[in-house]
Amino acid sequence: MMIVHYDSKKALKASIGAPLRYSETSMFGAEYTPNGKFAVARRPHLQGGGREFFAEVTMAEGLIVAVS
């Protein structure tokens, strides 16, 4: 699961049409793909404050097209 750099799920949804701001966390290889779906999270205990959330992001051509 990748960590995203957004304060809320609402802010992530507002970024539809933009590139994803994220950090890879997997020690087994990159999870990011410019075309496809993957799970993301905001983890306050790792990122310092804020709210925790989880989401599924759909990417196309390196841009966010859907967040659920």
PDB file of N, CA and C in Angstrom:
ATOM      1  N   MET A   1       0.856  -1.172   0.000  1.00  0.00           N
ATOM      2  CA  MET A   1       0.000   0.000   0.000  1.00  0.00           C
ATOM      3  C   MET A   1       0.898   1.230   0.000  1.00  0.00           C
ATOM      4  N   MET A   2       0.604   2.139  -0.887  1.00  0.00           N
ATOM      5  CA  MET A   2       1.390   3.360  -0.999  1.00  0.00           C
ATOM      6  C   MET A   2       0.829   4.437  -0.088  1.00  0.00           C
ATOM      7  N   ILE A   3       1.709   5.315   0.364  1.00  0.00           N
ATOM      8  CA  ILE A   3       1.306   6.457   1.181  1.00  0.00           C
ATOM      9  C   ILE A   3       1.137   7.651   0.252  1.00  0.00           C
ATOM     10  N   VAL A   4       0.008   8.345   0.385  1.00  0.00           N
ATOM     11  CA  VAL A   4      -0.240   9.534  -0.443  1.00  0.00           C
ATOM     12  C   VAL A   4      -0.073  10.795   0.390  1.00  0.00           C
ATOM     13  N   HIS A   5       0.262  11.866  -0.283  1.00  0.00           N
ATOM     14  CA  HIS A   5       0.535  13.140   0.381  1.00  0.00           C
ATOM     15  C   HIS A   5      -0.625  14.118   0.161  1.00  0.00           C
ATOM     16  N   TYR A   6      -1.763  13.768   0.733  1.00  0.00           N
ATOM     17  CA  TYR A   6      -2.966  14.602   0.705  1.00  0.00           C
ATOM     18  C   TYR A   6      -3.514  14.627   2.122  1.00  0.00           C
ATOM     19  N   ASP A   7      -4.105  15.733   2.538  1.00  0.00           N
ATOM     20  CA  ASP A   7      -4.607  15.873   3.903  1.00  0.00           C
ATOM     21  C   ASP A   7      -5.895  15.100   4.144  1.00  0.00           C
ATOM     22  N   SER A   8      -6.660  14.828   3.079  1.00  0.00           N
ATOM     23  CA  SER A   8      -7.928  14.122   3.235  1.00  0.00           C
ATOM     24  C   SER A   8      -8.276  13.404   1.941  1.00  0.00           C
ATOM     25  N   LYS A   9      -9.237  12.504   2.040  1.00  0.00           N
ATOM     26  CA  LYS A   9      -9.719  11.813   0.851  1.00  0.00           C
ATOM     27  C   LYS A   9     -10.393  12.809  -0.095  1.00  0.00           C
ATOM     28  N   LYS A  10     -11.030  13.814   0.481  1.00  0.00           N
ATOM     29  CA  LYS A  10     -11.666  14.868  -0.314  1.00  0.00           C
ATOM     30  C   LYS A  10     -10.618  15.606  -1.153  1.00  0.00           C
ATOM     31  N   ALA A  11      -9.473  15.906  -0.559  1.00  0.00           N
ATOM     32  CA  ALA A  11      -8.387  16.573  -1.285  1.00  0.00           C
ATOM     33  C   ALA A  11      -7.832  15.677  -2.379  1.00  0.00           C
ATOM     34  N   LEU A  12      -7.760  14.383  -2.108  1.00  0.00           N
ATOM     35  CA  LEU A  12      -7.320  13.433  -3.128  1.00  0.00           C
ATOM     36  C   LEU A  12      -8.303  13.416  -4.294  1.00  0.00           C
ATOM     37  N   LYS A  13      -9.602  13.372  -3.990  1.00  0.00           N
ATOM     38  CA  LYS A  13     -10.627  13.392  -5.046  1.00  0.00           C
ATOM     39  C   LYS A  13     -10.575  14.692  -5.844  1.00  0.00           C
ATOM     40  N   ALA A  14     -10.255  15.794  -5.179  1.00  0.00           N
ATOM     41  CA  ALA A  14     -10.157  17.082  -5.867  1.00  0.00           C
ATOM     42  C   ALA A  14      -8.975  17.131  -6.829  1.00  0.00           C
ATOM     43  N   SER A  15      -8.062  16.181  -6.709  1.00  0.00           N
ATOM     44  CA  SER A  15      -6.875  16.132  -7.567  1.00  0.00           C
ATOM     45  C   SER A  15      -7.079  15.264  -8.800  1.00  0.00           C
ATOM     46  N   ILE A  16      -8.313  14.859  -9.075  1.00  0.00           N
ATOM     47  CA  ILE A  16      -8.581  14.088 -10.290  1.00  0.00           C
ATOM     48  C   ILE A  16      -8.124  14.914 -11.487  1.00  0.00           C
ATOM     49  N   GLY A  17      -7.377  14.281 -12.361  1.00  0.00           N
ATOM     50  CA  GLY A  17      -6.822  14.957 -13.531  1.00  0.00           C
ATOM     51  C   GLY A  17      -5.371  15.378 -13.344  1.00  0.00           C
ATOM     52  N   ALA A  18      -4.836  15.188 -12.133  1.00  0.00           N
ATOM     53  CA  ALA A  18      -3.455  15.567 -11.827  1.00  0.00           C
ATOM     54  C   ALA A  18      -2.623  14.316 -11.525  1.00  0.00           C
ATOM     55  N   PRO A  19      -1.305  14.411 -11.584  1.00  0.00           N
ATOM     56  CA  PRO A  19      -0.460  13.282 -11.174  1.00  0.00           C
ATOM     57  C   PRO A  19      -0.616  13.009  -9.678  1.00  0.00           C
ATOM     58  N   LEU A  20      -0.382  11.775  -9.274  1.00  0.00           N
ATOM     59  CA  LEU A  20      -0.498  11.357  -7.876  1.00  0.00           C
ATOM     60  C   LEU A  20       0.764  11.737  -7.104  1.00  0.00           C
ATOM     61  N   ARG A  21       0.577  12.333  -5.907  1.00  0.00           N
ATOM     62  CA  ARG A  21       1.693  12.617  -4.997  1.00  0.00           C
ATOM     63  C   ARG A  21       1.738  11.479  -3.986  1.00  0.00           C
ATOM     64  N   TYR A  22       2.809  10.682  -4.010  1.00  0.00           N
ATOM     65  CA  TYR A  22       2.855   9.457  -3.211  1.00  0.00           C
ATOM     66  C   TYR A  22       4.281   9.098  -2.816  1.00  0.00           C
ATOM     67  N   SER A  23       4.393   8.119  -1.896  1.00  0.00           N
ATOM     68  CA  SER A  23       5.659   7.498  -1.526  1.00  0.00           C
ATOM     69  C   SER A  23       5.466   5.997  -1.582  1.00  0.00           C
ATOM     70  N   GLU A  24       6.399   5.305  -2.173  1.00  0.00           N
ATOM     71  CA  GLU A  24       6.368   3.843  -2.210  1.00  0.00           C
ATOM     72  C   GLU A  24       6.731   3.302  -0.829  1.00  0.00           C
ATOM     73  N   THR A  25       6.094   2.214  -0.418  1.00  0.00           N
ATOM     74  CA  THR A  25       6.401   1.603   0.874  1.00  0.00           C
ATOM     75  C   THR A  25       6.765   0.135   0.755  1.00  0.00           C
ATOM     76  N   SER A  26       6.539  -0.466  -0.389  1.00  0.00           N
ATOM     77  CA  SER A  26       6.765  -1.895  -0.562  1.00  0.00           C
ATOM     78  C   SER A  26       8.248  -2.216  -0.711  1.00  0.00           C
ATOM     79  N   MET A  27       8.706  -3.232  -0.014  1.00  0.00           N
ATOM     80  CA  MET A  27      10.081  -3.671  -0.184  1.00  0.00           C
ATOM     81  C   MET A  27      10.179  -4.748  -1.268  1.00  0.00           C
ATOM     82  N   PHE A  28       9.068  -5.046  -1.918  1.00  0.00           N
ATOM     83  CA  PHE A  28       9.035  -6.073  -2.956  1.00  0.00           C
ATOM     84  C   PHE A  28       8.941  -5.488  -4.362  1.00  0.00           C
ATOM     85  N   GLY A  29       9.137  -4.200  -4.507  1.00  0.00           N
ATOM     86  CA  GLY A  29       9.079  -3.556  -5.811  1.00  0.00           C
ATOM     87  C   GLY A  29       8.018  -2.475  -5.843  1.00  0.00           C
ATOM     88  N   ALA A  30       8.060  -1.701  -6.899  1.00  0.00           N
ATOM     89  CA  ALA A  30       7.147  -0.562  -7.027  1.00  0.00           C
ATOM     90  C   ALA A  30       5.698  -1.018  -7.188  1.00  0.00           C
ATOM     91  N   GLU A  31       4.799  -0.344  -6.492  1.00  0.00           N
ATOM     92  CA  GLU A  31       3.363  -0.614  -6.609  1.00  0.00           C
ATOM     93  C   GLU A  31       2.698   0.337  -7.595  1.00  0.00           C
ATOM     94  N   TYR A  32       3.293   1.503  -7.774  1.00  0.00           N
ATOM     95  CA  TYR A  32       2.705   2.506  -8.664  1.00  0.00           C
ATOM     96  C   TYR A  32       2.697   2.010 -10.104  1.00  0.00           C
ATOM     97  N   THR A  33       1.603   2.279 -10.791  1.00  0.00           N
ATOM     98  CA  THR A  33       1.506   2.027 -12.216  1.00  0.00           C
ATOM     99  C   THR A  33       0.756   3.198 -12.837  1.00  0.00           C
ATOM    100  N   PRO A  34       1.236   3.717 -13.969  1.00  0.00           N
ATOM    101  CA  PRO A  34       0.567   4.870 -14.566  1.00  0.00           C
ATOM    102  C   PRO A  34      -0.799   4.544 -15.163  1.00  0.00           C
ATOM    103  N   ASN A  35      -1.104   3.259 -15.312  1.00  0.00           N
ATOM    104  CA  ASN A  35      -2.399   2.803 -15.835  1.00  0.00           C
ATOM    105  C   ASN A  35      -2.875   1.627 -14.988  1.00  0.00           C
ATOM    106  N   GLY A  36      -3.939   1.812 -14.232  1.00  0.00           N
ATOM    107  CA  GLY A  36      -4.463   0.731 -13.405  1.00  0.00           C
ATOM    108  C   GLY A  36      -5.000   1.236 -12.082  1.00  0.00           C
ATOM    109  N   LYS A  37      -5.289   0.269 -11.191  1.00  0.00           N
ATOM    110  CA  LYS A  37      -5.849   0.573  -9.870  1.00  0.00           C
ATOM    111  C   LYS A  37      -4.922   0.054  -8.788  1.00  0.00           C
ATOM    112  N   PHE A  38      -4.902   0.773  -7.663  1.00  0.00           N
ATOM    113  CA  PHE A  38      -4.154   0.313  -6.504  1.00  0.00           C
ATOM    114  C   PHE A  38      -4.670   1.010  -5.258  1.00  0.00           C
ATOM    115  N   ALA A  39      -4.347   0.439  -4.112  1.00  0.00           N
ATOM    116  CA  ALA A  39      -4.774   0.982  -2.820  1.00  0.00           C
ATOM    117  C   ALA A  39      -3.741   1.980  -2.308  1.00  0.00           C
ATOM    118  N   VAL A  40      -4.247   3.026  -1.666  1.00  0.00           N
ATOM    119  CA  VAL A  40      -3.383   4.036  -1.062  1.00  0.00           C
ATOM    120  C   VAL A  40      -3.895   4.354   0.346  1.00  0.00           C
ATOM    121  N   ALA A  41      -3.041   4.983   1.133  1.00  0.00           N
ATOM    122  CA  ALA A  41      -3.430   5.355   2.494  1.00  0.00           C
ATOM    123  C   ALA A  41      -2.713   6.621   2.918  1.00  0.00           C
ATOM    124  N   ARG A  42      -3.311   7.313   3.865  1.00  0.00           N
ATOM    125  CA  ARG A  42      -2.631   8.396   4.583  1.00  0.00           C
ATOM    126  C   ARG A  42      -2.475   7.908   6.003  1.00  0.00           C
ATOM    127  N   ARG A  43      -1.235   7.831   6.463  1.00  0.00           N
ATOM    128  CA  ARG A  43      -0.935   7.280   7.776  1.00  0.00           C
ATOM    129  C   ARG A  43      -0.349   8.368   8.674  1.00  0.00           C
ATOM    130  N   PRO A  44      -1.176   8.967   9.539  1.00  0.00           N
ATOM    131  CA  PRO A  44      -0.726  10.088  10.373  1.00  0.00           C
ATOM    132  C   PRO A  44       0.465   9.768  11.275  1.00  0.00           C
ATOM    133  N   HIS A  45       0.546   8.526  11.759  1.00  0.00           N
ATOM    134  CA  HIS A  45       1.660   8.206  12.649  1.00  0.00           C
ATOM    135  C   HIS A  45       2.988   8.167  11.890  1.00  0.00           C
ATOM    136  N   LEU A  46       2.956   8.033  10.572  1.00  0.00           N
ATOM    137  CA  LEU A  46       4.172   8.078   9.758  1.00  0.00           C
ATOM    138  C   LEU A  46       4.410   9.456   9.149  1.00  0.00           C
ATOM    139  N   GLN A  47       3.323  10.188   8.888  1.00  0.00           N
ATOM    140  CA  GLN A  47       3.417  11.453   8.188  1.00  0.00           C
ATOM    141  C   GLN A  47       3.277  12.668   9.092  1.00  0.00           C
ATOM    142  N   GLY A  48       2.912  12.456  10.322  1.00  0.00           N
ATOM    143  CA  GLY A  48       2.813  13.557  11.265  1.00  0.00           C
ATOM    144  C   GLY A  48       1.477  14.268  11.272  1.00  0.00           C
ATOM    145  N   GLY A  49       0.574  13.807  12.109  1.00  0.00           N
ATOM    146  CA  GLY A  49      -0.718  14.469  12.287  1.00  0.00           C
ATOM    147  C   GLY A  49      -1.691  14.256  11.158  1.00  0.00           C
ATOM    148  N   GLY A  50      -2.857  14.861  11.308  1.00  0.00           N
ATOM    149  CA  GLY A  50      -3.893  14.741  10.294  1.00  0.00           C
ATOM    150  C   GLY A  50      -4.771  13.519  10.491  1.00  0.00           C
ATOM    151  N   ARG A  51      -5.629  13.276   9.505  1.00  0.00           N
ATOM    152  CA  ARG A  51      -6.571  12.158   9.557  1.00  0.00           C
ATOM    153  C   ARG A  51      -6.065  10.984   8.745  1.00  0.00           C
ATOM    154  N   GLU A  52      -6.416   9.799   9.194  1.00  0.00           N
ATOM    155  CA  GLU A  52      -6.073   8.593   8.457  1.00  0.00           C
ATOM    156  C   GLU A  52      -7.197   8.285   7.465  1.00  0.00           C
ATOM    157  N   PHE A  53      -6.825   7.882   6.259  1.00  0.00           N
ATOM    158  CA  PHE A  53      -7.822   7.421   5.302  1.00  0.00           C
ATOM    159  C   PHE A  53      -7.196   6.413   4.350  1.00  0.00           C
ATOM    160  N   PHE A  54      -8.056   5.630   3.748  1.00  0.00           N
ATOM    161  CA  PHE A  54      -7.661   4.634   2.752  1.00  0.00           C
ATOM    162  C   PHE A  54      -8.517   4.861   1.518  1.00  0.00           C
ATOM    163  N   ALA A  55      -7.977   4.566   0.340  1.00  0.00           N
ATOM    164  CA  ALA A  55      -8.736   4.758  -0.891  1.00  0.00           C
ATOM    165  C   ALA A  55      -8.183   3.844  -1.976  1.00  0.00           C
ATOM    166  N   GLU A  56      -9.000   3.640  -3.008  1.00  0.00           N
ATOM    167  CA  GLU A  56      -8.547   2.961  -4.207  1.00  0.00           C
ATOM    168  C   GLU A  56      -8.456   4.023  -5.298  1.00  0.00           C
ATOM    169  N   VAL A  57      -7.303   4.109  -5.939  1.00  0.00           N
ATOM    170  CA  VAL A  57      -7.058   5.118  -6.969  1.00  0.00           C
ATOM    171  C   VAL A  57      -6.962   4.427  -8.322  1.00  0.00           C
ATOM    172  N   THR A  58      -7.619   5.006  -9.309  1.00  0.00           N
ATOM    173  CA  THR A  58      -7.524   4.529 -10.687  1.00  0.00           C
ATOM    174  C   THR A  58      -6.741   5.562 -11.473  1.00  0.00           C
ATOM    175  N   MET A  59      -5.700   5.097 -12.163  1.00  0.00           N
ATOM    176  CA  MET A  59      -4.832   5.962 -12.945  1.00  0.00           C
ATOM    177  C   MET A  59      -4.971   5.640 -14.436  1.00  0.00           C
ATOM    178  N   ALA A  60      -4.814   6.651 -15.276  1.00  0.00           N
ATOM    179  CA  ALA A  60      -4.759   6.478 -16.729  1.00  0.00           C
ATOM    180  C   ALA A  60      -3.778   7.508 -17.284  1.00  0.00           C
ATOM    181  N   GLU A  61      -2.790   7.041 -18.014  1.00  0.00           N
ATOM    182  CA  GLU A  61      -1.796   7.939 -18.611  1.00  0.00           C
ATOM    183  C   GLU A  61      -1.056   8.762 -17.554  1.00  0.00           C
ATOM    184  N   GLY A  62      -0.887   8.219 -16.348  1.00  0.00           N
ATOM    185  CA  GLY A  62      -0.183   8.909 -15.278  1.00  0.00           C
ATOM    186  C   GLY A  62      -0.978   9.949 -14.527  1.00  0.00           C
ATOM    187  N   LEU A  63      -2.292  10.027 -14.791  1.00  0.00           N
ATOM    188  CA  LEU A  63      -3.161  10.987 -14.109  1.00  0.00           C
ATOM    189  C   LEU A  63      -4.248  10.258 -13.330  1.00  0.00           C
ATOM    190  N   ILE A  64      -4.696  10.854 -12.234  1.00  0.00           N
ATOM    191  CA  ILE A  64      -5.771  10.285 -11.434  1.00  0.00           C
ATOM    192  C   ILE A  64      -7.078  10.444 -12.208  1.00  0.00           C
ATOM    193  N   VAL A  65      -7.805   9.335 -12.397  1.00  0.00           N
ATOM    194  CA  VAL A  65      -9.100   9.427 -13.078  1.00  0.00           C
ATOM    195  C   VAL A  65     -10.273   9.087 -12.169  1.00  0.00           C
ATOM    196  N   ALA A  66     -10.016   8.380 -11.053  1.00  0.00           N
ATOM    197  CA  ALA A  66     -11.088   8.040 -10.111  1.00  0.00           C
ATOM    198  C   ALA A  66     -10.502   7.742  -8.750  1.00  0.00           C
ATOM    199  N   VAL A  67     -11.272   8.046  -7.705  1.00  0.00           N
ATOM    200  CA  VAL A  67     -10.921   7.751  -6.316  1.00  0.00           C
ATOM    201  C   VAL A  67     -12.155   7.176  -5.650  1.00  0.00           C
ATOM    202  N   SER A  68     -11.994   6.011  -5.023  1.00  0.00           N
ATOM    203  CA  SER A  68     -13.135   5.421  -4.297  1.00  0.00           C
ATOM    204  C   SER A  68     -12.687   4.887  -2.961  1.00  0.00           C
TER     205      SER A  68
END
